[in-house]
Structures are given as structure tokens and as C-alpha cells.
Amino acid sequence: MAALLALPLMAVAAEDPAVASLNQRLVALQADVQTADAASFEKLQAQQAIAALAKAKRKELDNARYLAERRVAIAETAARTAVAAREVDQLERTRSELLIEAGRREVTKARQEAERLRMQSQIQAEEAERLRLAAEAETLARQDAETALTSVAGRQQQRLSAAQQNAAKLAREEAELVSGHRLPASKFASRGEVFTLTGDAFAAGQASLSADAANQAKALAEYLNIGKKGRVTIEGYDSANGVGQRRAQALKDALVAAGVSASRVQVTGKKAASTRARSAEVIIAP
């Protein structure tokens, strides 16, 4: 193609050095593997401008030369800009892949730490129980042992709970990275981890998920598939008969469609007013 660009102007190039120089720049741009497929329209305009310069009359020569130089410069700039844009896109994809991989490694590390602390807690609890039984004949000794047991177990449980919550935090971050969407707000309670969908997740009196709620369901499904193995209960709320049940079912369908096993998920409708802060809850058992 570089040769084809040069052929129409070879004869005139000998008479006008500007034509030869501009044509050489255009041919070099086309011969470069990085810019060969970029800025095709701008290259065509530059080629036409060079051809017009080659045919220009003396009084039109200055304007034709200026236009040809500008067209070639524009083609060069457009081609390099396209190459730079491709490089930026590639760098962004590489960055996203690195972030996801780093998130996965942190989740694995947190899970391993939680398991280590759980085993340590179990060993310490067994040792404390042995000491309590050994001191059972003497009331004071038994009370001291039980106090030590409560203190050790309490501190260890706090550390285990902190590690589990940290693992959940990292899992949430990974789920949001992979899905590209934000999870709904959550809190830890006695019944497990509770995610709450706000009142705008459904239209008034309706059971169809809004676009934002559907995106939250995708992120939640990714979170459940990453490592949260507990059973899932979905509670839907509305004051109208049957609407709460249908809302819970719609949310389950969205989770199942995103890869969550249907057997893990139970649904129930609550005949209670849907508020601005809550229209449905997803509870992951501890």
C-alpha cells in the first residue's frame, strides 16, 4: 500500500521537492506497522491534498502546499493518537486484571488466617476446659479456671470475628470488582450477614427489580459464589397481599440467573410496609 501511495506522485516529485517530502512522510506513516491501520480517512485526505499540490498552478502553489502540509500533519497526529489510545486501553485492561488477581489473593490469605484463628480458638477452648475439670474439686480453683476460660474465649472470639469480617470485606471488594456493580448495604447480626435493598429497588406495589437493584443482585450473586457457603433467606416486604412474596421470588430468580444454586435460597414474603430504607432483605446464615 505504501508503494501504491507513492506511484501517482513519483513523476511530479522530481519537479517539486515539497511533493516528494510530503509523500515520503505519508508513505512512512503507512509503512509503520503501528500506524498502518490507523487514521485511514485522514491519510486519504492527505494523499488528495498532495495530488492537488502536484497539479497546482503557480498562483495556487502556496495555498496548495500549505493545505498539503496541514493534511499530512493531521494524518500523522491522528495515527499517533490512535496508537496511543490503543496503548492506554491495553494498560487499563492490564490494570483491571492485576486488581482482580490481587483481590483474589487477599481473600485467600484472609480465609487462611480465619481458619488458623478458628483452630487456635478451638485448641485454647479445649485446654481451658481441661483445666476447669481438673480444678473441679476445689470451688475457688474452678471459679478461677472458668474466669480464665471466659476471658481467653472472649478475646479469641473477638479476633476470630474480626478476621471473619475482614474476609467478608475483601470478598465484597472482589465481588464488586468482578461484577462491576456495588453491593447493597449490609450488617452482621445474630441471624447472619444481612443485606438490605432500599425502597427504590421496586416500583410502588410492583415486584420487578429496578435497574440498580438488578445490578446489586449481580454483585450479590458474585459475593455468594466467591466463598459465602451459608444458606440464604430472602424476605420481601409490602403491605399488599402477595407482593412481598413476589418481590422475594424476583430477587431469588436474579441470583439464580447469576449462578447461585437455587437449592441454597429460600424466599418468604412479609406483609409489612415497604419503607424508603427497606423493601427486601437477603440473609446469609453464619
C-alpha atoms as a PDB file:
ATOM      1  CA  MET A   1       0.000   0.000   0.000  1.00  0.00           C
ATOM      2  CA  ALA A   2       2.960   2.310   0.727  1.00  0.00           C
ATOM      3  CA  ALA A   3       4.160   1.776  -2.830  1.00  0.00           C
ATOM      4  CA  LEU A   4       0.709   2.481  -4.233  1.00  0.00           C
ATOM      5  CA  LEU A   5       0.559   5.777  -2.355  1.00  0.00           C
ATOM      6  CA  ALA A   6       3.844   6.842  -3.920  1.00  0.00           C
ATOM      7  CA  LEU A   7       3.158   5.850  -7.565  1.00  0.00           C
ATOM      8  CA  PRO A   8       0.806   8.710  -8.603  1.00  0.00           C
ATOM      9  CA  LEU A   9       3.243  11.353  -7.447  1.00  0.00           C
ATOM     10  CA  MET A  10       6.637   9.969  -8.459  1.00  0.00           C
ATOM     11  CA  ALA A  11       6.806  11.880 -11.719  1.00  0.00           C
ATOM     12  CA  VAL A  12       5.917  15.223 -10.141  1.00  0.00           C
ATOM     13  CA  ALA A  13       8.148  14.680  -7.108  1.00  0.00           C
ATOM     14  CA  ALA A  14      11.241  15.339  -9.177  1.00  0.00           C
ATOM     15  CA  GLU A  15       9.903  18.823 -10.087  1.00  0.00           C
ATOM     16  CA  ASP A  16       8.554  19.848  -6.646  1.00  0.00           C
ATOM     17  CA  PRO A  17      10.612  18.824  -3.588  1.00  0.00           C
ATOM     18  CA  ALA A  18       7.639  19.585  -1.282  1.00  0.00           C
ATOM     19  CA  VAL A  19       5.544  16.939  -3.004  1.00  0.00           C
ATOM     20  CA  ALA A  20       8.324  14.371  -2.604  1.00  0.00           C
ATOM     21  CA  SER A  21       8.851  15.243   1.067  1.00  0.00           C
ATOM     22  CA  LEU A  22       5.154  15.138   1.963  1.00  0.00           C
ATOM     23  CA  ASN A  23       4.617  11.961   0.003  1.00  0.00           C
ATOM     24  CA  GLN A  24       7.586  10.353   1.759  1.00  0.00           C
ATOM     25  CA  ARG A  25       6.083  11.213   5.166  1.00  0.00           C
ATOM     26  CA  LEU A  26       2.754   9.714   4.150  1.00  0.00           C
ATOM     27  CA  VAL A  27       4.424   6.553   2.824  1.00  0.00           C
ATOM     28  CA  ALA A  28       6.436   6.206   6.049  1.00  0.00           C
ATOM     29  CA  LEU A  29       3.230   6.552   8.072  1.00  0.00           C
ATOM     30  CA  GLN A  30       1.584   3.756   6.087  1.00  0.00           C
ATOM     31  CA  ALA A  31       4.676   1.534   6.249  1.00  0.00           C
ATOM     32  CA  ASP A  32       4.787   1.673  10.075  1.00  0.00           C
ATOM     33  CA  VAL A  33       3.050  -1.463  11.435  1.00  0.00           C
ATOM     34  CA  GLN A  34       1.655   0.517  14.374  1.00  0.00           C
ATOM     35  CA  THR A  35       0.048   3.268  12.287  1.00  0.00           C
ATOM     36  CA  ALA A  36      -0.728   1.333   9.100  1.00  0.00           C
ATOM     37  CA  ASP A  37      -4.363   0.666  10.017  1.00  0.00           C
ATOM     38  CA  ALA A  38      -4.989   3.973  11.808  1.00  0.00           C
ATOM     39  CA  ALA A  39      -6.421   7.297  10.556  1.00  0.00           C
ATOM     40  CA  SER A  40      -7.435   5.944   7.142  1.00  0.00           C
ATOM     41  CA  PHE A  41      -9.682   8.898   6.333  1.00  0.00           C
ATOM     42  CA  GLU A  42      -7.018  11.457   7.312  1.00  0.00           C
ATOM     43  CA  LYS A  43      -4.435   9.621   5.172  1.00  0.00           C
ATOM     44  CA  LEU A  44      -6.801   9.720   2.197  1.00  0.00           C
ATOM     45  CA  GLN A  45      -7.320  13.458   2.652  1.00  0.00           C
ATOM     46  CA  ALA A  46      -3.547  13.969   2.845  1.00  0.00           C
ATOM     47  CA  GLN A  47      -2.998  11.931  -0.331  1.00  0.00           C
ATOM     48  CA  GLN A  48      -5.624  14.010  -2.143  1.00  0.00           C
ATOM     49  CA  ALA A  49      -4.036  17.236  -0.922  1.00  0.00           C
ATOM     50  CA  ILE A  50      -0.588  16.116  -2.146  1.00  0.00           C
ATOM     51  CA  ALA A  51      -2.095  15.228  -5.512  1.00  0.00           C
ATOM     52  CA  ALA A  52      -3.705  18.672  -5.662  1.00  0.00           C
ATOM     53  CA  LEU A  53      -0.328  20.275  -4.845  1.00  0.00           C
ATOM     54  CA  ALA A  54       1.307  18.330  -7.644  1.00  0.00           C
ATOM     55  CA  LYS A  55      -1.244  19.694 -10.124  1.00  0.00           C
ATOM     56  CA  ALA A  56      -1.481  23.260  -8.733  1.00  0.00           C
ATOM     57  CA  LYS A  57      -0.763  26.240 -10.894  1.00  0.00           C
ATOM     58  CA  ARG A  58       1.891  28.714  -9.879  1.00  0.00           C
ATOM     59  CA  LYS A  59      -0.536  31.219  -8.324  1.00  0.00           C
ATOM     60  CA  GLU A  60      -2.225  28.458  -6.319  1.00  0.00           C
ATOM     61  CA  LEU A  61       1.021  26.781  -5.288  1.00  0.00           C
ATOM     62  CA  ASP A  62       1.472  28.386  -1.840  1.00  0.00           C
ATOM     63  CA  ASN A  63      -2.068  27.623  -0.714  1.00  0.00           C
ATOM     64  CA  ALA A  64      -1.907  24.076  -2.078  1.00  0.00           C
ATOM     65  CA  ARG A  65       1.444  23.460  -0.372  1.00  0.00           C
ATOM     66  CA  TYR A  66       0.125  24.791   2.971  1.00  0.00           C
ATOM     67  CA  LEU A  67      -3.008  22.632   2.728  1.00  0.00           C
ATOM     68  CA  ALA A  68      -0.995  19.519   1.834  1.00  0.00           C
ATOM     69  CA  GLU A  69       1.407  20.082   4.743  1.00  0.00           C
ATOM     70  CA  ARG A  70      -1.535  20.513   7.152  1.00  0.00           C
ATOM     71  CA  ARG A  71      -3.278  17.381   5.868  1.00  0.00           C
ATOM     72  CA  VAL A  72      -0.136  15.281   6.271  1.00  0.00           C
ATOM     73  CA  ALA A  73       0.457  16.664   9.770  1.00  0.00           C
ATOM     74  CA  ILE A  74      -3.154  15.906  10.693  1.00  0.00           C
ATOM     75  CA  ALA A  75      -2.838  12.348   9.376  1.00  0.00           C
ATOM     76  CA  GLU A  76       0.373  11.838  11.389  1.00  0.00           C
ATOM     77  CA  THR A  77      -1.211  13.232  14.553  1.00  0.00           C
ATOM     78  CA  ALA A  78      -4.414  11.196  14.128  1.00  0.00           C
ATOM     79  CA  ALA A  79      -2.472   7.981  13.547  1.00  0.00           C
ATOM     80  CA  ARG A  80      -0.257   8.509  16.594  1.00  0.00           C
ATOM     81  CA  THR A  81      -3.276   9.444  18.688  1.00  0.00           C
ATOM     82  CA  ALA A  82      -4.996   6.204  17.666  1.00  0.00           C
ATOM     83  CA  VAL A  83      -1.871   4.218  18.580  1.00  0.00           C
ATOM     84  CA  ALA A  84      -1.692   5.985  21.961  1.00  0.00           C
ATOM     85  CA  ALA A  85      -5.389   5.282  22.604  1.00  0.00           C
ATOM     86  CA  ARG A  86      -4.850   1.580  21.898  1.00  0.00           C
ATOM     87  CA  GLU A  87      -1.918   1.539  24.304  1.00  0.00           C
ATOM     88  CA  VAL A  88      -3.996   3.274  27.002  1.00  0.00           C
ATOM     89  CA  ASP A  89      -6.813   0.725  26.544  1.00  0.00           C
ATOM     90  CA  GLN A  90      -4.334  -2.142  26.862  1.00  0.00           C
ATOM     91  CA  LEU A  91      -2.810  -0.626  30.000  1.00  0.00           C
ATOM     92  CA  GLU A  92      -6.269  -0.187  31.542  1.00  0.00           C
ATOM     93  CA  ARG A  93      -7.171  -3.820  30.823  1.00  0.00           C
ATOM     94  CA  THR A  94      -3.888  -4.969  32.351  1.00  0.00           C
ATOM     95  CA  ARG A  95      -4.523  -2.806  35.430  1.00  0.00           C
ATOM     96  CA  SER A  96      -8.012  -4.254  35.919  1.00  0.00           C
ATOM     97  CA  GLU A  97      -6.683  -7.805  35.615  1.00  0.00           C
ATOM     98  CA  LEU A  98      -3.978  -7.071  38.189  1.00  0.00           C
ATOM     99  CA  LEU A  99      -6.509  -5.569  40.617  1.00  0.00           C
ATOM    100  CA  ILE A 100      -8.781  -8.611  40.358  1.00  0.00           C
ATOM    101  CA  GLU A 101      -5.865 -11.002  40.857  1.00  0.00           C
ATOM    102  CA  ALA A 102      -4.613  -9.025  43.875  1.00  0.00           C
ATOM    103  CA  GLY A 103      -8.108  -9.050  45.375  1.00  0.00           C
ATOM    104  CA  ARG A 104      -8.364 -12.805  44.983  1.00  0.00           C
ATOM    105  CA  ARG A 105      -5.014 -13.334  46.683  1.00  0.00           C
ATOM    106  CA  GLU A 106      -6.049 -11.137  49.614  1.00  0.00           C
ATOM    107  CA  VAL A 107      -9.317 -13.084  50.014  1.00  0.00           C
ATOM    108  CA  THR A 108      -7.419 -16.395  50.090  1.00  0.00           C
ATOM    109  CA  LYS A 109      -4.991 -15.012  52.659  1.00  0.00           C
ATOM    110  CA  ALA A 110      -7.837 -13.761  54.858  1.00  0.00           C
ATOM    111  CA  ARG A 111      -9.600 -17.137  54.701  1.00  0.00           C
ATOM    112  CA  GLN A 112      -6.428 -18.935  55.720  1.00  0.00           C
ATOM    113  CA  GLU A 113      -5.961 -16.551  58.650  1.00  0.00           C
ATOM    114  CA  ALA A 114      -9.569 -17.053  59.760  1.00  0.00           C
ATOM    115  CA  GLU A 115      -9.115 -20.833  59.688  1.00  0.00           C
ATOM    116  CA  ARG A 116      -5.874 -20.591  61.662  1.00  0.00           C
ATOM    117  CA  LEU A 117      -7.552 -18.468  64.324  1.00  0.00           C
ATOM    118  CA  ARG A 118     -10.509 -20.851  64.455  1.00  0.00           C
ATOM    119  CA  MET A 119      -8.233 -23.813  65.097  1.00  0.00           C
ATOM    120  CA  GLN A 120      -6.284 -21.845  67.655  1.00  0.00           C
ATOM    121  CA  SER A 121      -9.518 -20.855  69.378  1.00  0.00           C
ATOM    122  CA  GLN A 122     -10.679 -24.477  69.449  1.00  0.00           C
ATOM    123  CA  ILE A 123      -7.358 -25.678  70.942  1.00  0.00           C
ATOM    124  CA  GLN A 124      -7.410 -22.971  73.574  1.00  0.00           C
ATOM    125  CA  ALA A 125     -11.023 -23.709  74.470  1.00  0.00           C
ATOM    126  CA  GLU A 126     -10.242 -27.428  74.883  1.00  0.00           C
ATOM    127  CA  GLU A 127      -7.254 -26.641  77.063  1.00  0.00           C
ATOM    128  CA  ALA A 128      -9.277 -24.280  79.229  1.00  0.00           C
ATOM    129  CA  GLU A 129     -11.975 -26.945  79.657  1.00  0.00           C
ATOM    130  CA  ARG A 130      -9.361 -29.479  80.770  1.00  0.00           C
ATOM    131  CA  LEU A 131      -8.090 -27.058  83.390  1.00  0.00           C
ATOM    132  CA  ARG A 132     -11.626 -26.384  84.614  1.00  0.00           C
ATOM    133  CA  LEU A 133     -12.350 -30.095  85.056  1.00  0.00           C
ATOM    134  CA  ALA A 134      -9.020 -30.652  86.834  1.00  0.00           C
ATOM    135  CA  ALA A 135      -9.855 -27.897  89.348  1.00  0.00           C
ATOM    136  CA  GLU A 136     -13.481 -29.007  89.896  1.00  0.00           C
ATOM    137  CA  ALA A 137     -12.790 -30.460  93.390  1.00  0.00           C
ATOM    138  CA  GLU A 138     -11.940 -27.037  94.699  1.00  0.00           C
ATOM    139  CA  THR A 139     -14.568 -24.339  94.187  1.00  0.00           C
ATOM    140  CA  LEU A 140     -12.183 -21.414  94.165  1.00  0.00           C
ATOM    141  CA  ALA A 141      -9.845 -23.058  91.675  1.00  0.00           C
ATOM    142  CA  ARG A 142     -12.805 -23.920  89.457  1.00  0.00           C
ATOM    143  CA  GLN A 143     -14.023 -20.311  89.523  1.00  0.00           C
ATOM    144  CA  ASP A 144     -10.554 -19.064  88.606  1.00  0.00           C
ATOM    145  CA  ALA A 145     -10.381 -21.524  85.718  1.00  0.00           C
ATOM    146  CA  GLU A 146     -13.845 -20.511  84.447  1.00  0.00           C
ATOM    147  CA  THR A 147     -12.884 -16.840  84.625  1.00  0.00           C
ATOM    148  CA  ALA A 148      -9.741 -17.544  82.616  1.00  0.00           C
ATOM    149  CA  LEU A 149     -11.781 -19.573  80.119  1.00  0.00           C
ATOM    150  CA  THR A 150     -14.274 -16.773  79.622  1.00  0.00           C
ATOM    151  CA  SER A 151     -11.519 -14.194  79.196  1.00  0.00           C
ATOM    152  CA  VAL A 152      -9.480 -16.244  76.725  1.00  0.00           C
ATOM    153  CA  ALA A 153     -12.500 -17.387  74.735  1.00  0.00           C
ATOM    154  CA  GLY A 154     -13.892 -13.866  74.610  1.00  0.00           C
ATOM    155  CA  ARG A 155     -10.683 -12.335  73.306  1.00  0.00           C
ATOM    156  CA  GLN A 156     -10.175 -15.145  70.821  1.00  0.00           C
ATOM    157  CA  GLN A 157     -13.770 -14.872  69.614  1.00  0.00           C
ATOM    158  CA  GLN A 158     -13.265 -11.155  69.049  1.00  0.00           C
ATOM    159  CA  ARG A 159     -10.148 -11.864  66.995  1.00  0.00           C
ATOM    160  CA  LEU A 160     -11.942 -14.605  65.040  1.00  0.00           C
ATOM    161  CA  SER A 161     -14.914 -12.334  64.417  1.00  0.00           C
ATOM    162  CA  ALA A 162     -12.607  -9.544  63.251  1.00  0.00           C
ATOM    163  CA  ALA A 163     -10.817 -11.931  60.873  1.00  0.00           C
ATOM    164  CA  GLN A 164     -14.134 -13.229  59.502  1.00  0.00           C
ATOM    165  CA  GLN A 165     -15.402  -9.688  58.949  1.00  0.00           C
ATOM    166  CA  ASN A 166     -12.144  -8.784  57.223  1.00  0.00           C
ATOM    167  CA  ALA A 167     -12.536 -11.818  54.957  1.00  0.00           C
ATOM    168  CA  ALA A 168     -16.101 -10.707  54.211  1.00  0.00           C
ATOM    169  CA  LYS A 169     -14.867  -7.177  53.434  1.00  0.00           C
ATOM    170  CA  LEU A 170     -12.282  -8.491  50.976  1.00  0.00           C
ATOM    171  CA  ALA A 171     -14.884 -10.820  49.435  1.00  0.00           C
ATOM    172  CA  ARG A 172     -17.225  -7.843  48.970  1.00  0.00           C
ATOM    173  CA  GLU A 173     -14.470  -5.864  47.254  1.00  0.00           C
ATOM    174  CA  GLU A 174     -13.689  -8.795  44.941  1.00  0.00           C
ATOM    175  CA  ALA A 175     -17.378  -9.288  44.127  1.00  0.00           C
ATOM    176  CA  GLU A 176     -17.759  -5.606  43.233  1.00  0.00           C
ATOM    177  CA  LEU A 177     -14.585  -5.685  41.104  1.00  0.00           C
ATOM    178  CA  VAL A 178     -15.611  -8.801  39.200  1.00  0.00           C
ATOM    179  CA  SER A 179     -19.263  -7.816  38.711  1.00  0.00           C
ATOM    180  CA  GLY A 180     -18.623  -4.143  38.100  1.00  0.00           C
ATOM    181  CA  HIS A 181     -21.508  -3.205  40.441  1.00  0.00           C
ATOM    182  CA  ARG A 182     -21.946  -2.153  44.072  1.00  0.00           C
ATOM    183  CA  LEU A 183     -23.356  -4.460  46.727  1.00  0.00           C
ATOM    184  CA  PRO A 184     -26.312  -3.306  48.832  1.00  0.00           C
ATOM    185  CA  ALA A 185     -25.591  -2.162  52.381  1.00  0.00           C
ATOM    186  CA  SER A 186     -25.067  -4.965  54.923  1.00  0.00           C
ATOM    187  CA  LYS A 187     -24.609  -5.602  58.638  1.00  0.00           C
ATOM    188  CA  PHE A 188     -23.780  -8.582  60.833  1.00  0.00           C
ATOM    189  CA  ALA A 189     -26.498  -9.769  63.234  1.00  0.00           C
ATOM    190  CA  SER A 190     -27.306 -12.894  65.230  1.00  0.00           C
ATOM    191  CA  ARG A 191     -29.082 -14.440  62.252  1.00  0.00           C
ATOM    192  CA  GLY A 192     -26.083 -13.837  59.950  1.00  0.00           C
ATOM    193  CA  GLU A 193     -24.986 -11.208  57.434  1.00  0.00           C
ATOM    194  CA  VAL A 194     -27.980  -9.127  56.332  1.00  0.00           C
ATOM    195  CA  PHE A 195     -28.037  -7.216  53.012  1.00  0.00           C
ATOM    196  CA  THR A 196     -30.805  -4.625  52.718  1.00  0.00           C
ATOM    197  CA  LEU A 197     -32.323  -3.417  49.433  1.00  0.00           C
ATOM    198  CA  THR A 198     -33.795   0.070  49.777  1.00  0.00           C
ATOM    199  CA  GLY A 199     -37.297   1.173  48.828  1.00  0.00           C
ATOM    200  CA  ASP A 200     -36.315   2.187  45.280  1.00  0.00           C
ATOM    201  CA  ALA A 201     -35.398  -1.434  44.450  1.00  0.00           C
ATOM    202  CA  PHE A 202     -39.035  -1.934  43.321  1.00  0.00           C
ATOM    203  CA  ALA A 203     -41.687   0.383  41.961  1.00  0.00           C
ATOM    204  CA  ALA A 204     -44.611   1.038  44.313  1.00  0.00           C
ATOM    205  CA  GLY A 205     -46.736  -2.096  44.595  1.00  0.00           C
ATOM    206  CA  GLN A 206     -44.629  -3.919  41.979  1.00  0.00           C
ATOM    207  CA  ALA A 207     -42.317  -6.945  42.140  1.00  0.00           C
ATOM    208  CA  SER A 208     -39.955  -6.199  39.245  1.00  0.00           C
ATOM    209  CA  LEU A 209     -36.407  -5.231  40.170  1.00  0.00           C
ATOM    210  CA  SER A 210     -35.223  -1.770  39.174  1.00  0.00           C
ATOM    211  CA  ALA A 211     -32.076  -1.494  37.065  1.00  0.00           C
ATOM    212  CA  ASP A 212     -29.978  -0.549  40.118  1.00  0.00           C
ATOM    213  CA  ALA A 213     -31.419  -3.431  42.147  1.00  0.00           C
ATOM    214  CA  ALA A 214     -30.718  -5.874  39.304  1.00  0.00           C
ATOM    215  CA  ASN A 215     -27.075  -4.724  39.275  1.00  0.00           C
ATOM    216  CA  GLN A 216     -26.900  -5.138  43.059  1.00  0.00           C
ATOM    217  CA  ALA A 217     -28.269  -8.677  42.633  1.00  0.00           C
ATOM    218  CA  LYS A 218     -25.424  -9.474  40.190  1.00  0.00           C
ATOM    219  CA  ALA A 219     -22.829  -8.245  42.688  1.00  0.00           C
ATOM    220  CA  LEU A 220     -24.557 -10.180  45.492  1.00  0.00           C
ATOM    221  CA  ALA A 221     -24.541 -13.377  43.407  1.00  0.00           C
ATOM    222  CA  GLU A 222     -20.805 -12.960  42.787  1.00  0.00           C
ATOM    223  CA  TYR A 223     -20.291 -12.465  46.542  1.00  0.00           C
ATOM    224  CA  LEU A 224     -22.238 -15.661  47.324  1.00  0.00           C
ATOM    225  CA  ASN A 225     -20.282 -17.644  44.734  1.00  0.00           C
ATOM    226  CA  ILE A 226     -16.852 -16.424  45.925  1.00  0.00           C
ATOM    227  CA  GLY A 227     -16.957 -18.215  49.260  1.00  0.00           C
ATOM    228  CA  LYS A 228     -20.044 -17.497  51.358  1.00  0.00           C
ATOM    229  CA  LYS A 229     -21.429 -21.034  51.740  1.00  0.00           C
ATOM    230  CA  GLY A 230     -24.270 -20.473  54.223  1.00  0.00           C
ATOM    231  CA  ARG A 231     -27.919 -20.847  53.328  1.00  0.00           C
ATOM    232  CA  VAL A 232     -29.645 -17.746  52.019  1.00  0.00           C
ATOM    233  CA  THR A 233     -33.066 -16.423  53.048  1.00  0.00           C
ATOM    234  CA  ILE A 234     -34.759 -13.626  51.101  1.00  0.00           C
ATOM    235  CA  GLU A 235     -37.530 -11.624  52.790  1.00  0.00           C
ATOM    236  CA  GLY A 236     -39.671  -9.290  50.690  1.00  0.00           C
ATOM    237  CA  TYR A 237     -41.812  -6.557  52.244  1.00  0.00           C
ATOM    238  CA  ASP A 238     -45.012  -4.837  51.157  1.00  0.00           C
ATOM    239  CA  SER A 239     -48.353  -4.039  52.757  1.00  0.00           C
ATOM    240  CA  ALA A 240     -50.310  -5.513  49.817  1.00  0.00           C
ATOM    241  CA  ASN A 241     -51.128  -9.221  49.819  1.00  0.00           C
ATOM    242  CA  GLY A 242     -48.620 -11.355  47.909  1.00  0.00           C
ATOM    243  CA  VAL A 243     -46.363  -8.509  46.780  1.00  0.00           C
ATOM    244  CA  GLY A 244     -43.694  -9.243  49.391  1.00  0.00           C
ATOM    245  CA  GLN A 245     -43.566 -12.908  48.318  1.00  0.00           C
ATOM    246  CA  ARG A 246     -43.271 -11.956  44.636  1.00  0.00           C
ATOM    247  CA  ARG A 247     -40.504  -9.486  45.402  1.00  0.00           C
ATOM    248  CA  ALA A 248     -38.543 -12.134  47.272  1.00  0.00           C
ATOM    249  CA  GLN A 249     -39.041 -14.564  44.371  1.00  0.00           C
ATOM    250  CA  ALA A 250     -37.912 -11.965  41.799  1.00  0.00           C
ATOM    251  CA  LEU A 251     -34.729 -11.381  43.789  1.00  0.00           C
ATOM    252  CA  LYS A 252     -34.100 -15.136  44.042  1.00  0.00           C
ATOM    253  CA  ASP A 253     -34.588 -15.511  40.268  1.00  0.00           C
ATOM    254  CA  ALA A 254     -31.968 -12.794  39.689  1.00  0.00           C
ATOM    255  CA  LEU A 255     -29.469 -14.545  41.987  1.00  0.00           C
ATOM    256  CA  VAL A 256     -30.063 -17.930  40.368  1.00  0.00           C
ATOM    257  CA  ALA A 257     -29.692 -16.407  36.898  1.00  0.00           C
ATOM    258  CA  ALA A 258     -26.304 -15.057  38.011  1.00  0.00           C
ATOM    259  CA  GLY A 259     -25.065 -18.510  39.081  1.00  0.00           C
ATOM    260  CA  VAL A 260     -26.282 -19.075  42.665  1.00  0.00           C
ATOM    261  CA  SER A 261     -27.641 -22.566  43.332  1.00  0.00           C
ATOM    262  CA  ALA A 262     -31.416 -22.418  43.690  1.00  0.00           C
ATOM    263  CA  SER A 263     -31.324 -25.028  46.476  1.00  0.00           C
ATOM    264  CA  ARG A 264     -29.421 -22.589  48.716  1.00  0.00           C
ATOM    265  CA  VAL A 265     -32.077 -19.893  48.578  1.00  0.00           C
ATOM    266  CA  GLN A 266     -35.389 -19.728  50.461  1.00  0.00           C
ATOM    267  CA  VAL A 267     -37.931 -16.943  49.951  1.00  0.00           C
ATOM    268  CA  THR A 268     -40.639 -15.534  52.188  1.00  0.00           C
ATOM    269  CA  GLY A 269     -42.997 -12.591  51.913  1.00  0.00           C
ATOM    270  CA  LYS A 270     -43.680 -10.248  54.822  1.00  0.00           C
ATOM    271  CA  LYS A 271     -46.899  -8.276  54.961  1.00  0.00           C
ATOM    272  CA  ALA A 272     -45.253  -5.142  56.236  1.00  0.00           C
ATOM    273  CA  ALA A 273     -44.974  -1.717  54.700  1.00  0.00           C
ATOM    274  CA  SER A 274     -42.041  -1.249  52.336  1.00  0.00           C
ATOM    275  CA  THR A 275     -40.106   1.784  53.556  1.00  0.00           C
ATOM    276  CA  ARG A 276     -37.635   4.104  51.952  1.00  0.00           C
ATOM    277  CA  ALA A 277     -34.858   2.260  53.767  1.00  0.00           C
ATOM    278  CA  ARG A 278     -36.041  -1.329  53.175  1.00  0.00           C
ATOM    279  CA  SER A 279     -38.044  -3.233  50.583  1.00  0.00           C
ATOM    280  CA  ALA A 280     -36.246  -6.605  50.850  1.00  0.00           C
ATOM    281  CA  GLU A 281     -33.519  -8.322  52.853  1.00  0.00           C
ATOM    282  CA  VAL A 282     -31.060 -11.088  51.940  1.00  0.00           C
ATOM    283  CA  ILE A 283     -29.826 -13.017  54.998  1.00  0.00           C
ATOM    284  CA  ILE A 284     -26.753 -15.265  54.742  1.00  0.00           C
ATOM    285  CA  ALA A 285     -26.726 -17.736  57.620  1.00  0.00           C
ATOM    286  CA  PRO A 286     -23.497 -17.793  59.701  1.00  0.00           C
END
